[in-house]
């Protein structure tokens, strides 16, 4: 089922690279591995991937720095691997553009579940059947059917998680959406840490929508309820 999905594993630990490659190939994925950021850049210069699994702690350039740079150029989903104690690194990874994170040590099955959850967020090539086709957010417009955001003539690059958030919000404009619901729809586990991760994703999305993300006009916080997309009147 996954034989056309190509994953890139970036980790400096040879044992972990080998284990993950074997496990994920048995799950039906195509898998390429890289030992560090420089190696990953060389691989990415010649191949396209459906998802990148990226370790934070690596010699030389770390995973957060690589993630931030990749986000300037590609929208490929990124899953960060962090040590369980690296709370700041997890948040930094999300702020840099990662779609999710997984703390080490972890069971390979959990990684597989996270990968599949992220891949489900990637926009489908089949357009949705909707009545309202475009939402206007000031100078930004969001094409619901195509799952595309535009600022004038420029396409705004959205990560898989940001695309999923826009699909959720655009399906119910003007209606508050709870953080708990967002956690569930994004395929994350529960708890305050995951709600905090959603907050980080919202902050990143606001930077692409709002003139002043600190005073959001279109992606509003609804006290006690969650978040709400408030587009301009049609």
C-alpha atoms as a PDB file:
ATOM      1  CA  UNK A   1       0.000   0.000   0.000  1.00  0.00           C
ATOM      2  CA  UNK A   2       2.919   2.338   0.752  1.00  0.00           C
ATOM      3  CA  UNK A   3       5.225   1.150  -2.036  1.00  0.00           C
ATOM      4  CA  UNK A   4       5.168   4.524  -3.820  1.00  0.00           C
ATOM      5  CA  UNK A   5       5.807   6.562  -0.642  1.00  0.00           C
ATOM      6  CA  UNK A   6       9.458   7.543  -0.258  1.00  0.00           C
ATOM      7  CA  UNK A   7      10.840   8.405   3.194  1.00  0.00           C
ATOM      8  CA  UNK A   8      14.160  10.022   4.093  1.00  0.00           C
ATOM      9  CA  UNK A   9      15.652   9.080   7.488  1.00  0.00           C
ATOM     10  CA  UNK A  10      18.323  11.506   8.761  1.00  0.00           C
ATOM     11  CA  UNK A  11      20.140  10.276  11.889  1.00  0.00           C
ATOM     12  CA  UNK A  12      23.822  10.107  12.835  1.00  0.00           C
ATOM     13  CA  UNK A  13      23.353   6.813  14.699  1.00  0.00           C
ATOM     14  CA  UNK A  14      24.076   4.001  12.231  1.00  0.00           C
ATOM     15  CA  UNK A  15      22.222   1.432  14.341  1.00  0.00           C
ATOM     16  CA  UNK A  16      19.055   3.533  14.479  1.00  0.00           C
ATOM     17  CA  UNK A  17      19.241   4.251  10.739  1.00  0.00           C
ATOM     18  CA  UNK A  18      19.491   0.550  10.007  1.00  0.00           C
ATOM     19  CA  UNK A  19      16.676  -0.435  12.345  1.00  0.00           C
ATOM     20  CA  UNK A  20      14.299   2.212  11.048  1.00  0.00           C
ATOM     21  CA  UNK A  21      15.136   1.466   7.440  1.00  0.00           C
ATOM     22  CA  UNK A  22      14.457  -2.250   7.901  1.00  0.00           C
ATOM     23  CA  UNK A  23      11.228  -1.704   9.844  1.00  0.00           C
ATOM     24  CA  UNK A  24       9.794   0.912   7.487  1.00  0.00           C
ATOM     25  CA  UNK A  25      10.716  -1.057   4.378  1.00  0.00           C
ATOM     26  CA  UNK A  26       8.886  -4.044   5.853  1.00  0.00           C
ATOM     27  CA  UNK A  27       5.899  -1.704   6.289  1.00  0.00           C
ATOM     28  CA  UNK A  28       6.006  -1.121   2.548  1.00  0.00           C
ATOM     29  CA  UNK A  29       7.800   2.226   2.229  1.00  0.00           C
ATOM     30  CA  UNK A  30      10.697   3.162   0.020  1.00  0.00           C
ATOM     31  CA  UNK A  31      13.425   4.346   2.417  1.00  0.00           C
ATOM     32  CA  UNK A  32      16.605   6.366   1.902  1.00  0.00           C
ATOM     33  CA  UNK A  33      18.941   7.193   4.801  1.00  0.00           C
ATOM     34  CA  UNK A  34      21.393  10.049   5.462  1.00  0.00           C
ATOM     35  CA  UNK A  35      23.966  10.254   8.239  1.00  0.00           C
ATOM     36  CA  UNK A  36      23.948  14.030   8.826  1.00  0.00           C
ATOM     37  CA  UNK A  37      22.627  17.347   7.509  1.00  0.00           C
ATOM     38  CA  UNK A  38      25.251  17.668   4.771  1.00  0.00           C
ATOM     39  CA  UNK A  39      24.497  14.162   3.517  1.00  0.00           C
ATOM     40  CA  UNK A  40      20.759  14.902   3.622  1.00  0.00           C
ATOM     41  CA  UNK A  41      21.241  18.048   1.519  1.00  0.00           C
ATOM     42  CA  UNK A  42      23.089  16.061  -1.141  1.00  0.00           C
ATOM     43  CA  UNK A  43      20.324  13.439  -1.223  1.00  0.00           C
ATOM     44  CA  UNK A  44      17.592  16.085  -1.361  1.00  0.00           C
ATOM     45  CA  UNK A  45      19.293  17.851  -4.252  1.00  0.00           C
ATOM     46  CA  UNK A  46      18.540  14.878  -6.478  1.00  0.00           C
ATOM     47  CA  UNK A  47      15.447  13.202  -5.020  1.00  0.00           C
ATOM     48  CA  UNK A  48      11.992  14.161  -3.823  1.00  0.00           C
ATOM     49  CA  UNK A  49      10.463  12.589  -0.719  1.00  0.00           C
ATOM     50  CA  UNK A  50       6.999  12.267   0.761  1.00  0.00           C
ATOM     51  CA  UNK A  51       8.222  12.673   4.355  1.00  0.00           C
ATOM     52  CA  UNK A  52      11.485  13.318   6.210  1.00  0.00           C
ATOM     53  CA  UNK A  53      12.296  11.800   9.623  1.00  0.00           C
ATOM     54  CA  UNK A  54      14.923  14.116  11.092  1.00  0.00           C
ATOM     55  CA  UNK A  55      16.956  13.702  14.268  1.00  0.00           C
ATOM     56  CA  UNK A  56      17.582  16.896  16.250  1.00  0.00           C
ATOM     57  CA  UNK A  57      20.974  16.094  17.780  1.00  0.00           C
ATOM     58  CA  UNK A  58      23.579  15.478  15.072  1.00  0.00           C
ATOM     59  CA  UNK A  59      27.231  16.452  14.721  1.00  0.00           C
ATOM     60  CA  UNK A  60      27.750  19.616  12.699  1.00  0.00           C
ATOM     61  CA  UNK A  61      24.484  21.239  11.693  1.00  0.00           C
ATOM     62  CA  UNK A  62      21.642  20.132  13.964  1.00  0.00           C
ATOM     63  CA  UNK A  63      18.200  19.013  12.858  1.00  0.00           C
ATOM     64  CA  UNK A  64      16.422  22.221  13.866  1.00  0.00           C
ATOM     65  CA  UNK A  65      18.723  24.322  11.681  1.00  0.00           C
ATOM     66  CA  UNK A  66      18.302  21.942   8.754  1.00  0.00           C
ATOM     67  CA  UNK A  67      14.523  21.906   9.201  1.00  0.00           C
ATOM     68  CA  UNK A  68      14.364  25.715   9.219  1.00  0.00           C
ATOM     69  CA  UNK A  69      16.393  25.916   6.014  1.00  0.00           C
ATOM     70  CA  UNK A  70      14.380  23.211   4.254  1.00  0.00           C
ATOM     71  CA  UNK A  71      11.150  24.994   5.090  1.00  0.00           C
ATOM     72  CA  UNK A  72      12.279  27.985   3.042  1.00  0.00           C
ATOM     73  CA  UNK A  73      12.413  25.788  -0.045  1.00  0.00           C
ATOM     74  CA  UNK A  74      10.172  22.717   0.265  1.00  0.00           C
ATOM     75  CA  UNK A  75       6.902  21.752   1.923  1.00  0.00           C
ATOM     76  CA  UNK A  76       7.763  18.083   2.494  1.00  0.00           C
ATOM     77  CA  UNK A  77       6.364  16.906   5.861  1.00  0.00           C
ATOM     78  CA  UNK A  78       9.028  16.651   8.570  1.00  0.00           C
ATOM     79  CA  UNK A  79       8.887  14.503  11.716  1.00  0.00           C
ATOM     80  CA  UNK A  80      11.536  15.435  14.309  1.00  0.00           C
ATOM     81  CA  UNK A  81      13.171  12.907  16.640  1.00  0.00           C
ATOM     82  CA  UNK A  82      14.192  14.355  20.018  1.00  0.00           C
ATOM     83  CA  UNK A  83      15.486  13.046  23.321  1.00  0.00           C
ATOM     84  CA  UNK A  84      12.723  12.825  25.904  1.00  0.00           C
ATOM     85  CA  UNK A  85      14.338  15.575  28.004  1.00  0.00           C
ATOM     86  CA  UNK A  86      14.697  18.027  25.095  1.00  0.00           C
ATOM     87  CA  UNK A  87      11.462  19.995  25.616  1.00  0.00           C
ATOM     88  CA  UNK A  88      12.962  23.198  24.225  1.00  0.00           C
ATOM     89  CA  UNK A  89      14.242  21.328  21.169  1.00  0.00           C
ATOM     90  CA  UNK A  90      10.768  19.971  20.435  1.00  0.00           C
ATOM     91  CA  UNK A  91       9.213  23.429  20.501  1.00  0.00           C
ATOM     92  CA  UNK A  92      12.120  24.822  18.480  1.00  0.00           C
ATOM     93  CA  UNK A  93      11.572  22.085  15.906  1.00  0.00           C
ATOM     94  CA  UNK A  94       7.886  22.912  15.556  1.00  0.00           C
ATOM     95  CA  UNK A  95       8.662  26.603  15.276  1.00  0.00           C
ATOM     96  CA  UNK A  96      11.252  25.794  12.596  1.00  0.00           C
ATOM     97  CA  UNK A  97       8.557  24.095  10.533  1.00  0.00           C
ATOM     98  CA  UNK A  98       8.359  20.472  11.673  1.00  0.00           C
ATOM     99  CA  UNK A  99       4.932  18.868  11.444  1.00  0.00           C
ATOM    100  CA  UNK A 100       5.334  16.679  14.520  1.00  0.00           C
ATOM    101  CA  UNK A 101       7.923  15.252  16.896  1.00  0.00           C
ATOM    102  CA  UNK A 102       8.593  11.926  18.571  1.00  0.00           C
ATOM    103  CA  UNK A 103      10.638  11.592  21.750  1.00  0.00           C
ATOM    104  CA  UNK A 104      13.359   8.941  22.049  1.00  0.00           C
ATOM    105  CA  UNK A 105      13.322   6.176  23.003  1.00  0.00           C
ATOM    106  CA  UNK A 106      10.252   5.089  21.030  1.00  0.00           C
ATOM    107  CA  UNK A 107       8.739   1.936  19.632  1.00  0.00           C
ATOM    108  CA  UNK A 108       9.051   1.619  15.841  1.00  0.00           C
ATOM    109  CA  UNK A 109       5.298   1.003  15.697  1.00  0.00           C
ATOM    110  CA  UNK A 110       4.700   4.431  17.238  1.00  0.00           C
ATOM    111  CA  UNK A 111       6.909   6.014  14.570  1.00  0.00           C
ATOM    112  CA  UNK A 112       4.906   4.205  11.895  1.00  0.00           C
ATOM    113  CA  UNK A 113       1.646   5.512  13.380  1.00  0.00           C
ATOM    114  CA  UNK A 114       2.995   9.082  13.464  1.00  0.00           C
ATOM    115  CA  UNK A 115       4.222   8.842   9.857  1.00  0.00           C
ATOM    116  CA  UNK A 116       0.847   7.584   8.643  1.00  0.00           C
ATOM    117  CA  UNK A 117      -0.956  10.302  10.622  1.00  0.00           C
ATOM    118  CA  UNK A 118       1.173  13.016   9.001  1.00  0.00           C
ATOM    119  CA  UNK A 119       0.741  11.553   5.515  1.00  0.00           C
ATOM    120  CA  UNK A 120      -3.030  11.606   5.990  1.00  0.00           C
ATOM    121  CA  UNK A 121      -2.820  15.383   6.471  1.00  0.00           C
ATOM    122  CA  UNK A 122      -1.163  15.955   3.098  1.00  0.00           C
ATOM    123  CA  UNK A 123      -3.706  17.540   0.729  1.00  0.00           C
ATOM    124  CA  UNK A 124      -5.410  15.087  -1.576  1.00  0.00           C
ATOM    125  CA  UNK A 125      -5.131  15.594  -5.298  1.00  0.00           C
ATOM    126  CA  UNK A 126      -8.904  15.267  -5.521  1.00  0.00           C
ATOM    127  CA  UNK A 127     -10.618  18.658  -5.060  1.00  0.00           C
ATOM    128  CA  UNK A 128     -13.235  18.891  -2.361  1.00  0.00           C
ATOM    129  CA  UNK A 129     -16.833  19.545  -3.322  1.00  0.00           C
ATOM    130  CA  UNK A 130     -17.606  22.842  -1.636  1.00  0.00           C
ATOM    131  CA  UNK A 131     -19.946  25.753  -2.229  1.00  0.00           C
ATOM    132  CA  UNK A 132     -17.606  28.558  -1.188  1.00  0.00           C
ATOM    133  CA  UNK A 133     -14.432  28.118  -3.212  1.00  0.00           C
ATOM    134  CA  UNK A 134     -12.198  30.919  -1.953  1.00  0.00           C
ATOM    135  CA  UNK A 135     -11.825  32.574   1.451  1.00  0.00           C
ATOM    136  CA  UNK A 136     -10.384  36.086   1.539  1.00  0.00           C
ATOM    137  CA  UNK A 137      -8.126  36.993   4.451  1.00  0.00           C
ATOM    138  CA  UNK A 138      -7.102  40.542   3.638  1.00  0.00           C
ATOM    139  CA  UNK A 139      -4.455  40.357   0.897  1.00  0.00           C
ATOM    140  CA  UNK A 140      -4.291  36.578   1.336  1.00  0.00           C
ATOM    141  CA  UNK A 141      -6.768  34.192  -0.266  1.00  0.00           C
ATOM    142  CA  UNK A 142      -7.296  30.509   0.401  1.00  0.00           C
ATOM    143  CA  UNK A 143      -8.592  28.247  -2.377  1.00  0.00           C
ATOM    144  CA  UNK A 144     -10.573  25.603  -0.495  1.00  0.00           C
ATOM    145  CA  UNK A 145     -10.956  23.185  -3.390  1.00  0.00           C
ATOM    146  CA  UNK A 146      -7.256  23.166  -4.207  1.00  0.00           C
ATOM    147  CA  UNK A 147      -6.009  23.587  -0.648  1.00  0.00           C
ATOM    148  CA  UNK A 148      -3.821  26.474  -1.808  1.00  0.00           C
ATOM    149  CA  UNK A 149      -3.018  29.805  -0.178  1.00  0.00           C
ATOM    150  CA  UNK A 150      -2.027  32.809  -2.261  1.00  0.00           C
ATOM    151  CA  UNK A 151      -0.662  36.266  -1.452  1.00  0.00           C
ATOM    152  CA  UNK A 152      -1.249  38.221  -4.633  1.00  0.00           C
ATOM    153  CA  UNK A 153       0.378  36.181  -7.409  1.00  0.00           C
ATOM    154  CA  UNK A 154       2.640  34.288  -5.012  1.00  0.00           C
ATOM    155  CA  UNK A 155       1.786  30.809  -3.768  1.00  0.00           C
ATOM    156  CA  UNK A 156       2.227  30.601   0.014  1.00  0.00           C
ATOM    157  CA  UNK A 157       3.961  27.343   0.912  1.00  0.00           C
ATOM    158  CA  UNK A 158       2.068  25.444   3.616  1.00  0.00           C
ATOM    159  CA  UNK A 159       3.364  22.469   5.551  1.00  0.00           C
ATOM    160  CA  UNK A 160       1.183  19.354   5.732  1.00  0.00           C
ATOM    161  CA  UNK A 161       0.056  20.331   9.228  1.00  0.00           C
ATOM    162  CA  UNK A 162      -0.745  23.898   8.191  1.00  0.00           C
ATOM    163  CA  UNK A 163      -2.730  22.537   5.228  1.00  0.00           C
ATOM    164  CA  UNK A 164      -4.713  20.314   7.569  1.00  0.00           C
ATOM    165  CA  UNK A 165      -5.405  23.237   9.903  1.00  0.00           C
ATOM    166  CA  UNK A 166      -6.668  25.336   6.989  1.00  0.00           C
ATOM    167  CA  UNK A 167      -8.939  22.496   5.848  1.00  0.00           C
ATOM    168  CA  UNK A 168     -10.376  22.247   9.355  1.00  0.00           C
ATOM    169  CA  UNK A 169     -10.929  25.986   9.751  1.00  0.00           C
ATOM    170  CA  UNK A 170     -12.198  26.591   6.204  1.00  0.00           C
ATOM    171  CA  UNK A 171     -14.849  23.906   6.696  1.00  0.00           C
ATOM    172  CA  UNK A 172     -16.378  25.987   9.499  1.00  0.00           C
ATOM    173  CA  UNK A 173     -15.499  29.685   9.035  1.00  0.00           C
ATOM    174  CA  UNK A 174     -16.740  31.883  11.861  1.00  0.00           C
ATOM    175  CA  UNK A 175     -17.093  28.908  14.224  1.00  0.00           C
ATOM    176  CA  UNK A 176     -14.743  28.295  17.178  1.00  0.00           C
ATOM    177  CA  UNK A 177     -12.729  25.068  17.004  1.00  0.00           C
ATOM    178  CA  UNK A 178     -11.442  23.668  20.298  1.00  0.00           C
ATOM    179  CA  UNK A 179      -7.801  22.847  20.880  1.00  0.00           C
ATOM    180  CA  UNK A 180      -8.851  19.340  21.922  1.00  0.00           C
ATOM    181  CA  UNK A 181     -10.564  18.823  18.559  1.00  0.00           C
ATOM    182  CA  UNK A 182      -7.493  20.101  16.716  1.00  0.00           C
ATOM    183  CA  UNK A 183      -5.253  17.703  18.653  1.00  0.00           C
ATOM    184  CA  UNK A 184      -7.508  14.800  17.689  1.00  0.00           C
ATOM    185  CA  UNK A 185      -7.803  15.811  14.017  1.00  0.00           C
ATOM    186  CA  UNK A 186      -4.041  16.235  13.681  1.00  0.00           C
ATOM    187  CA  UNK A 187      -3.562  12.681  14.904  1.00  0.00           C
ATOM    188  CA  UNK A 188      -1.667  13.615  18.048  1.00  0.00           C
ATOM    189  CA  UNK A 189      -1.870  12.086  21.506  1.00  0.00           C
ATOM    190  CA  UNK A 190      -3.697  14.017  24.173  1.00  0.00           C
ATOM    191  CA  UNK A 191      -2.378  16.153  26.985  1.00  0.00           C
ATOM    192  CA  UNK A 192      -1.177  19.684  27.581  1.00  0.00           C
ATOM    193  CA  UNK A 193       2.080  19.108  25.717  1.00  0.00           C
ATOM    194  CA  UNK A 194       0.177  18.274  22.522  1.00  0.00           C
ATOM    195  CA  UNK A 195      -2.114  21.278  22.960  1.00  0.00           C
ATOM    196  CA  UNK A 196       1.022  23.394  23.278  1.00  0.00           C
ATOM    197  CA  UNK A 197       2.290  21.850  20.030  1.00  0.00           C
ATOM    198  CA  UNK A 198      -0.970  22.886  18.325  1.00  0.00           C
ATOM    199  CA  UNK A 199      -0.503  26.422  19.675  1.00  0.00           C
ATOM    200  CA  UNK A 200       2.924  26.529  18.023  1.00  0.00           C
ATOM    201  CA  UNK A 201       1.433  25.413  14.696  1.00  0.00           C
ATOM    202  CA  UNK A 202      -1.240  28.107  14.975  1.00  0.00           C
ATOM    203  CA  UNK A 203       1.449  30.733  15.619  1.00  0.00           C
ATOM    204  CA  UNK A 204       3.328  29.635  12.492  1.00  0.00           C
ATOM    205  CA  UNK A 205       0.159  29.688  10.386  1.00  0.00           C
ATOM    206  CA  UNK A 206      -0.680  33.188  11.607  1.00  0.00           C
ATOM    207  CA  UNK A 207       2.681  34.425  10.314  1.00  0.00           C
ATOM    208  CA  UNK A 208       1.527  33.457   6.823  1.00  0.00           C
ATOM    209  CA  UNK A 209      -1.928  35.027   7.156  1.00  0.00           C
ATOM    210  CA  UNK A 210      -1.791  38.020   9.459  1.00  0.00           C
ATOM    211  CA  UNK A 211      -0.291  41.467   8.912  1.00  0.00           C
ATOM    212  CA  UNK A 212       0.489  41.442  12.659  1.00  0.00           C
ATOM    213  CA  UNK A 213       0.517  37.874  14.042  1.00  0.00           C
ATOM    214  CA  UNK A 214       0.576  39.239  17.599  1.00  0.00           C
ATOM    215  CA  UNK A 215      -2.807  40.876  16.990  1.00  0.00           C
ATOM    216  CA  UNK A 216      -4.547  38.370  14.705  1.00  0.00           C
ATOM    217  CA  UNK A 217      -7.502  39.581  12.696  1.00  0.00           C
ATOM    218  CA  UNK A 218      -8.337  36.416  10.741  1.00  0.00           C
ATOM    219  CA  UNK A 219      -7.142  33.452  12.832  1.00  0.00           C
ATOM    220  CA  UNK A 220      -8.520  34.507  16.155  1.00  0.00           C
ATOM    221  CA  UNK A 221      -8.183  33.091  19.657  1.00  0.00           C
ATOM    222  CA  UNK A 222     -11.595  32.539  21.229  1.00  0.00           C
ATOM    223  CA  UNK A 223     -11.162  32.639  24.983  1.00  0.00           C
ATOM    224  CA  UNK A 224     -12.288  29.381  26.564  1.00  0.00           C
ATOM    225  CA  UNK A 225     -13.167  27.865  23.186  1.00  0.00           C
ATOM    226  CA  UNK A 226     -10.058  27.577  21.045  1.00  0.00           C
ATOM    227  CA  UNK A 227      -9.464  29.197  17.650  1.00  0.00           C
ATOM    228  CA  UNK A 228     -11.638  30.559  14.857  1.00  0.00           C
ATOM    229  CA  UNK A 229     -11.030  31.558  11.250  1.00  0.00           C
ATOM    230  CA  UNK A 230     -12.836  34.822  10.488  1.00  0.00           C
ATOM    231  CA  UNK A 231     -12.525  35.549   6.744  1.00  0.00           C
ATOM    232  CA  UNK A 232     -13.667  38.750   5.070  1.00  0.00           C
ATOM    233  CA  UNK A 233     -17.358  38.801   4.081  1.00  0.00           C
ATOM    234  CA  UNK A 234     -17.933  37.271   0.659  1.00  0.00           C
END
